[in-house]
Amino acid sequence: MISAWLSKAATPLIKIGVLFVLGAGLSLGAVCLGYRIADRIGEIIIDRVAAAVELTDAKWKLEIADANMKLALAQAAQANDAMRLNSELAAAREDARLAKEERKKANAALPGGADGGLDVGRVRLLNRQR
């Protein structure tokens, strides 16, 4: 009789315990599922951020390479201009040197070179040097 009474009294407690265990299991499963979903979303975000960083890096590398190429072309053009100007300057110096030599020869060929004065022929030589 006591065992019948105990079994009758314990039955609702067993039912409540079973429901509690089932509820706890479902809650634990839901938490685990939520954790797995959040972890997967985090992986997706990390992958997307890495892809965006790679794209940005590639863009900047391309822009840097383009700027370096433009700089190299500008330096080459500047070097060509400097060489051209240097050759023009050397030619002008040589022309001036030759003209000076010609004036010296023309001055020496004029009569009265020992006089040390200016005559019409020497003045004409001076006027031609400009």
Protein backbone atom coordinates (compact mmCIF):
# COMPACT_ATOMS: atom_id res chain seq x y z
CA MET A 1 0.00 0.00 0.00
CA ILE A 2 2.80 2.37 0.79
CA SER A 3 4.49 1.49 -2.46
CA ALA A 4 1.25 2.20 -4.32
CA TRP A 5 0.90 5.48 -2.55
CA LEU A 6 4.56 6.39 -3.28
CA SER A 7 4.23 5.44 -6.90
CA LYS A 8 1.03 7.47 -7.13
CA ALA A 9 2.72 10.49 -5.49
CA ALA A 10 5.96 10.14 -7.44
CA THR A 11 4.33 9.88 -10.86
CA PRO A 12 3.71 13.64 -11.25
CA LEU A 13 7.26 14.36 -10.05
CA ILE A 14 8.66 11.91 -12.60
CA LYS A 15 6.58 13.52 -15.33
CA ILE A 16 7.79 16.98 -14.31
CA GLY A 17 11.39 15.70 -14.19
CA VAL A 18 11.10 14.14 -17.64
CA LEU A 19 9.63 17.38 -19.02
CA PHE A 20 12.42 19.34 -17.33
CA VAL A 21 15.09 17.06 -18.82
CA LEU A 22 13.46 17.30 -22.27
CA GLY A 23 13.24 21.10 -21.99
CA ALA A 24 16.84 21.35 -20.84
CA GLY A 25 17.97 19.13 -23.72
CA LEU A 26 16.04 21.20 -26.25
CA SER A 27 17.43 24.42 -24.75
CA LEU A 28 20.96 23.06 -24.86
CA GLY A 29 20.44 21.97 -28.47
CA ALA A 30 19.10 25.41 -29.40
CA VAL A 31 22.07 27.10 -27.73
CA CYS A 32 24.52 24.79 -29.55
CA LEU A 33 22.74 25.40 -32.85
CA GLY A 34 22.82 29.17 -32.27
CA TYR A 35 26.53 28.98 -31.44
CA ARG A 36 27.24 27.02 -34.63
CA ILE A 37 25.22 29.50 -36.71
CA ALA A 38 27.01 32.48 -35.13
CA ASP A 39 30.38 30.78 -35.72
CA ARG A 40 29.57 30.17 -39.37
CA ILE A 41 28.42 33.78 -39.84
CA GLY A 42 31.69 34.92 -38.24
CA GLU A 43 33.67 32.79 -40.70
CA ILE A 44 31.73 34.28 -43.61
CA ILE A 45 32.40 37.81 -42.36
CA ILE A 46 36.12 37.07 -41.91
CA ASP A 47 36.30 35.66 -45.46
CA ARG A 48 34.53 38.71 -46.89
CA VAL A 49 36.81 41.12 -45.01
CA ALA A 50 39.89 39.24 -46.23
CA ALA A 51 38.60 39.39 -49.82
CA ALA A 52 37.95 43.13 -49.50
CA VAL A 53 41.45 43.69 -48.09
CA GLU A 54 42.99 41.73 -50.97
CA LEU A 55 40.99 43.76 -53.47
CA THR A 56 42.05 47.04 -51.87
CA ASP A 57 45.69 45.91 -51.75
CA ALA A 58 45.58 44.94 -55.42
CA LYS A 59 44.07 48.33 -56.32
CA TRP A 60 46.77 50.25 -54.45
CA LYS A 61 49.55 48.07 -55.85
CA LEU A 62 48.26 48.85 -59.34
CA GLU A 63 48.11 52.57 -58.60
CA ILE A 64 51.64 52.52 -57.15
CA ALA A 65 52.95 50.66 -60.20
CA ASP A 66 51.20 53.18 -62.47
CA ALA A 67 52.70 56.11 -60.56
CA ASN A 68 56.16 54.51 -60.67
CA MET A 69 55.85 54.02 -64.42
CA LYS A 70 54.82 57.66 -64.92
CA LEU A 71 57.72 58.77 -62.74
CA ALA A 72 60.19 56.65 -64.72
CA LEU A 73 58.89 58.08 -68.00
CA ALA A 74 59.14 61.63 -66.65
CA GLN A 75 62.70 60.99 -65.44
CA ALA A 76 63.67 59.56 -68.83
CA ALA A 77 62.16 62.56 -70.62
CA GLN A 78 63.98 64.92 -68.27
CA ALA A 79 67.27 63.09 -68.87
CA ASN A 80 66.72 63.33 -72.65
CA ASP A 81 66.01 67.06 -72.35
CA ALA A 82 69.13 67.54 -70.23
CA MET A 83 71.30 65.70 -72.77
CA ARG A 84 69.79 67.69 -75.64
CA LEU A 85 70.34 70.99 -73.84
CA ASN A 86 73.87 69.95 -72.91
CA SER A 87 74.71 69.18 -76.54
CA GLU A 88 73.14 72.48 -77.67
CA LEU A 89 75.17 74.33 -75.04
CA ALA A 90 78.37 72.57 -76.11
CA ALA A 91 77.64 73.47 -79.75
CA ALA A 92 76.98 77.10 -78.81
CA ARG A 93 80.22 77.22 -76.81
CA GLU A 94 82.13 75.76 -79.73
CA ASP A 95 80.54 78.27 -82.12
CA ALA A 96 81.48 81.11 -79.78
CA ARG A 97 85.04 79.81 -79.48
CA LEU A 98 85.36 79.54 -83.28
CA ALA A 99 83.93 83.03 -83.74
CA LYS A 100 86.41 84.40 -81.21
CA GLU A 101 89.29 82.68 -83.01
CA GLU A 102 88.10 84.15 -86.32
CA ARG A 103 87.92 87.65 -84.78
CA LYS A 104 91.43 87.23 -83.37
CA LYS A 105 92.72 86.20 -86.79
CA ALA A 106 90.87 89.06 -88.47
CA ASN A 107 92.21 91.50 -85.88
CA ALA A 108 95.76 90.26 -86.37
CA ALA A 109 95.38 90.60 -90.14
CA LEU A 110 94.42 94.29 -89.87
CA PRO A 111 97.25 96.77 -90.47
CA GLY A 112 98.64 98.67 -87.48
CA GLY A 113 98.27 95.88 -84.92
CA ALA A 114 101.05 97.35 -82.77
CA ASP A 115 99.40 100.78 -82.57
CA GLY A 116 97.06 99.62 -79.77
CA GLY A 117 94.25 101.89 -80.92
CA LEU A 118 90.88 101.42 -82.48
CA ASP A 119 90.42 102.07 -86.12
CA VAL A 120 87.40 101.51 -88.35
CA GLY A 121 88.26 97.89 -89.14
CA ARG A 122 88.61 96.94 -85.48
CA VAL A 123 85.34 98.66 -84.58
CA ARG A 124 83.62 96.67 -87.30
CA LEU A 125 85.08 93.47 -85.80
CA LEU A 126 83.73 94.44 -82.38
CA ASN A 127 80.30 95.15 -83.82
CA ARG A 128 80.18 91.69 -85.46
CA GLN A 129 80.72 89.83 -82.19
CA ARG A 130 77.18 90.43 -80.99
